[in-house]
C-alpha atoms as a PDB file:
ATOM      1  CA  MET A   1     -22.394  41.657  72.818  1.00  0.00           C
ATOM      2  CA  GLU A   2     -23.805  38.922  70.623  1.00  0.00           C
ATOM      3  CA  ASN A   3     -23.080  39.344  67.106  1.00  0.00           C
ATOM      4  CA  ASN A   4     -26.964  40.393  66.298  1.00  0.00           C
ATOM      5  CA  GLN A   5     -26.533  43.131  69.060  1.00  0.00           C
ATOM      6  CA  ILE A   6     -23.281  44.490  67.426  1.00  0.00           C
ATOM      7  CA  GLU A   7     -24.689  44.613  63.831  1.00  0.00           C
ATOM      8  CA  LYS A   8     -28.213  46.300  65.185  1.00  0.00           C
ATOM      9  CA  PHE A   9     -26.008  48.934  66.828  1.00  0.00           C
ATOM     10  CA  LYS A  10     -23.721  49.282  63.648  1.00  0.00           C
ATOM     11  CA  GLU A  11     -26.763  49.911  61.488  1.00  0.00           C
ATOM     12  CA  GLN A  12     -27.979  52.460  64.131  1.00  0.00           C
ATOM     13  CA  LEU A  13     -24.449  54.280  64.039  1.00  0.00           C
ATOM     14  CA  ASP A  14     -24.661  54.260  60.274  1.00  0.00           C
ATOM     15  CA  GLN A  15     -28.045  55.646  60.040  1.00  0.00           C
ATOM     16  CA  HIS A  16     -27.099  58.608  62.226  1.00  0.00           C
ATOM     17  CA  HIS A  17     -23.657  59.434  61.591  1.00  0.00           C
ATOM     18  CA  ALA A  18     -21.849  60.422  57.959  1.00  0.00           C
ATOM     19  CA  TRP A  19     -18.162  58.969  58.561  1.00  0.00           C
ATOM     20  CA  PRO A  20     -15.939  59.927  59.441  1.00  0.00           C
ATOM     21  CA  ALA A  21     -17.386  62.054  62.265  1.00  0.00           C
ATOM     22  CA  VAL A  22     -16.934  62.864  66.102  1.00  0.00           C
ATOM     23  CA  TYR A  23     -18.259  60.243  68.304  1.00  0.00           C
ATOM     24  CA  THR A  24     -18.650  60.924  71.959  1.00  0.00           C
ATOM     25  CA  PHE A  25     -17.784  57.924  74.450  1.00  0.00           C
ATOM     26  CA  LYS A  26     -18.900  57.919  78.044  1.00  0.00           C
ATOM     27  CA  PHE A  27     -17.085  55.502  80.067  1.00  0.00           C
ATOM     28  CA  ILE A  28     -17.962  54.881  84.132  1.00  0.00           C
ATOM     29  CA  VAL A  29     -14.924  52.801  85.657  1.00  0.00           C
ATOM     30  CA  PRO A  30     -14.519  51.648  89.373  1.00  0.00           C
ATOM     31  CA  THR A  31     -11.875  53.192  91.360  1.00  0.00           C
ATOM     32  CA  GLY A  32      -8.525  51.834  90.322  1.00  0.00           C
ATOM     33  CA  LYS A  33      -9.181  50.956  87.142  1.00  0.00           C
ATOM     34  CA  GLU A  34      -8.602  54.340  85.154  1.00  0.00           C
ATOM     35  CA  LEU A  35      -5.338  53.914  84.349  1.00  0.00           C
ATOM     36  CA  GLN A  36      -6.504  50.669  82.009  1.00  0.00           C
ATOM     37  CA  LEU A  37      -8.966  52.974  80.290  1.00  0.00           C
ATOM     38  CA  LYS A  38      -6.689  55.621  79.384  1.00  0.00           C
ATOM     39  CA  GLU A  39      -3.898  53.282  78.561  1.00  0.00           C
ATOM     40  CA  LEU A  40      -6.552  51.929  76.167  1.00  0.00           C
ATOM     41  CA  LEU A  41      -7.255  55.329  74.551  1.00  0.00           C
ATOM     42  CA  THR A  42      -3.843  56.631  75.112  1.00  0.00           C
ATOM     43  CA  HIS A  43      -3.797  59.570  71.946  1.00  0.00           C
ATOM     44  CA  HIS A  44      -6.918  60.851  73.456  1.00  0.00           C
ATOM     45  CA  ILE A  45      -7.743  63.530  76.587  1.00  0.00           C
ATOM     46  CA  PRO A  46     -10.799  62.528  78.545  1.00  0.00           C
ATOM     47  CA  GLN A  47     -12.983  64.937  80.380  1.00  0.00           C
ATOM     48  CA  GLU A  48     -12.997  63.181  84.244  1.00  0.00           C
ATOM     49  CA  LYS A  49     -14.971  63.269  86.826  1.00  0.00           C
ATOM     50  CA  SER A  50     -14.940  61.403  90.212  1.00  0.00           C
ATOM     51  CA  SER A  51     -18.497  60.165  91.956  1.00  0.00           C
ATOM     52  CA  LYS A  52     -19.563  61.624  95.035  1.00  0.00           C
ATOM     53  CA  ASN A  53     -18.047  58.853  97.216  1.00  0.00           C
ATOM     54  CA  GLY A  54     -14.707  58.336  94.907  1.00  0.00           C
ATOM     55  CA  ASN A  55     -16.080  54.914  93.888  1.00  0.00           C
ATOM     56  CA  TYR A  56     -16.123  55.561  90.627  1.00  0.00           C
ATOM     57  CA  THR A  57     -14.913  57.788  87.805  1.00  0.00           C
ATOM     58  CA  SER A  58     -16.604  59.127  84.805  1.00  0.00           C
ATOM     59  CA  PHE A  59     -14.550  59.879  81.436  1.00  0.00           C
ATOM     60  CA  THR A  60     -16.051  61.348  78.268  1.00  0.00           C
ATOM     61  CA  TYR A  61     -14.103  61.307  74.924  1.00  0.00           C
ATOM     62  CA  GLN A  62     -14.783  63.009  71.627  1.00  0.00           C
ATOM     63  CA  MET A  63     -13.159  61.000  69.212  1.00  0.00           C
ATOM     64  CA  MET A  64     -12.653  61.520  65.565  1.00  0.00           C
ATOM     65  CA  MET A  65     -13.820  58.198  64.044  1.00  0.00           C
ATOM     66  CA  PRO A  66     -13.519  56.766  60.810  1.00  0.00           C
ATOM     67  CA  SER A  67     -16.503  54.304  60.380  1.00  0.00           C
ATOM     68  CA  SER A  68     -19.008  52.819  62.872  1.00  0.00           C
ATOM     69  CA  GLN A  69     -16.871  49.486  62.778  1.00  0.00           C
ATOM     70  CA  ALA A  70     -14.318  51.736  64.766  1.00  0.00           C
ATOM     71  CA  VAL A  71     -16.614  52.730  67.165  1.00  0.00           C
ATOM     72  CA  ILE A  72     -17.544  49.263  67.906  1.00  0.00           C
ATOM     73  CA  ASP A  73     -13.940  48.115  68.435  1.00  0.00           C
ATOM     74  CA  ILE A  74     -13.438  50.565  71.086  1.00  0.00           C
ATOM     75  CA  TYR A  75     -16.479  49.408  73.042  1.00  0.00           C
ATOM     76  CA  ILE A  76     -15.329  45.942  72.432  1.00  0.00           C
ATOM     77  CA  LEU A  77     -11.955  46.764  73.857  1.00  0.00           C
ATOM     78  CA  ALA A  78     -12.913  48.694  76.799  1.00  0.00           C
ATOM     79  CA  SER A  79     -15.532  45.768  77.488  1.00  0.00           C
ATOM     80  CA  LYS A  80     -12.690  43.956  78.884  1.00  0.00           C
ATOM     81  CA  ILE A  81     -12.004  46.599  81.728  1.00  0.00           C
ATOM     82  CA  GLU A  82     -13.708  44.605  84.879  1.00  0.00           C
ATOM     83  CA  GLY A  83     -16.470  46.893  86.001  1.00  0.00           C
ATOM     84  CA  LEU A  84     -16.886  49.439  83.080  1.00  0.00           C
ATOM     85  CA  ILE A  85     -20.310  50.911  82.490  1.00  0.00           C
ATOM     86  CA  ALA A  86     -20.613  52.081  78.934  1.00  0.00           C
ATOM     87  CA  LEU A  87     -23.087  54.644  78.153  1.00  0.00           C
END
């Protein structure tokens, strides 16, 4: 993400949420990368669902976040996982 995209996303988050707030993260990772995501968010238990063919796993996290910047920080960390899709 570029800085201007991050700033726009931060503004949108701040317009739609009163922090602290529960935020829903949804990620899809290729099979074999699940542990990387779980290690990133160790204190949270996701809902997991494998794809029909078993090539991907989707994760949904409901997390209490203190600020829009904390949400963005999670997305930046998660983006380092090869093949991850953030929804």
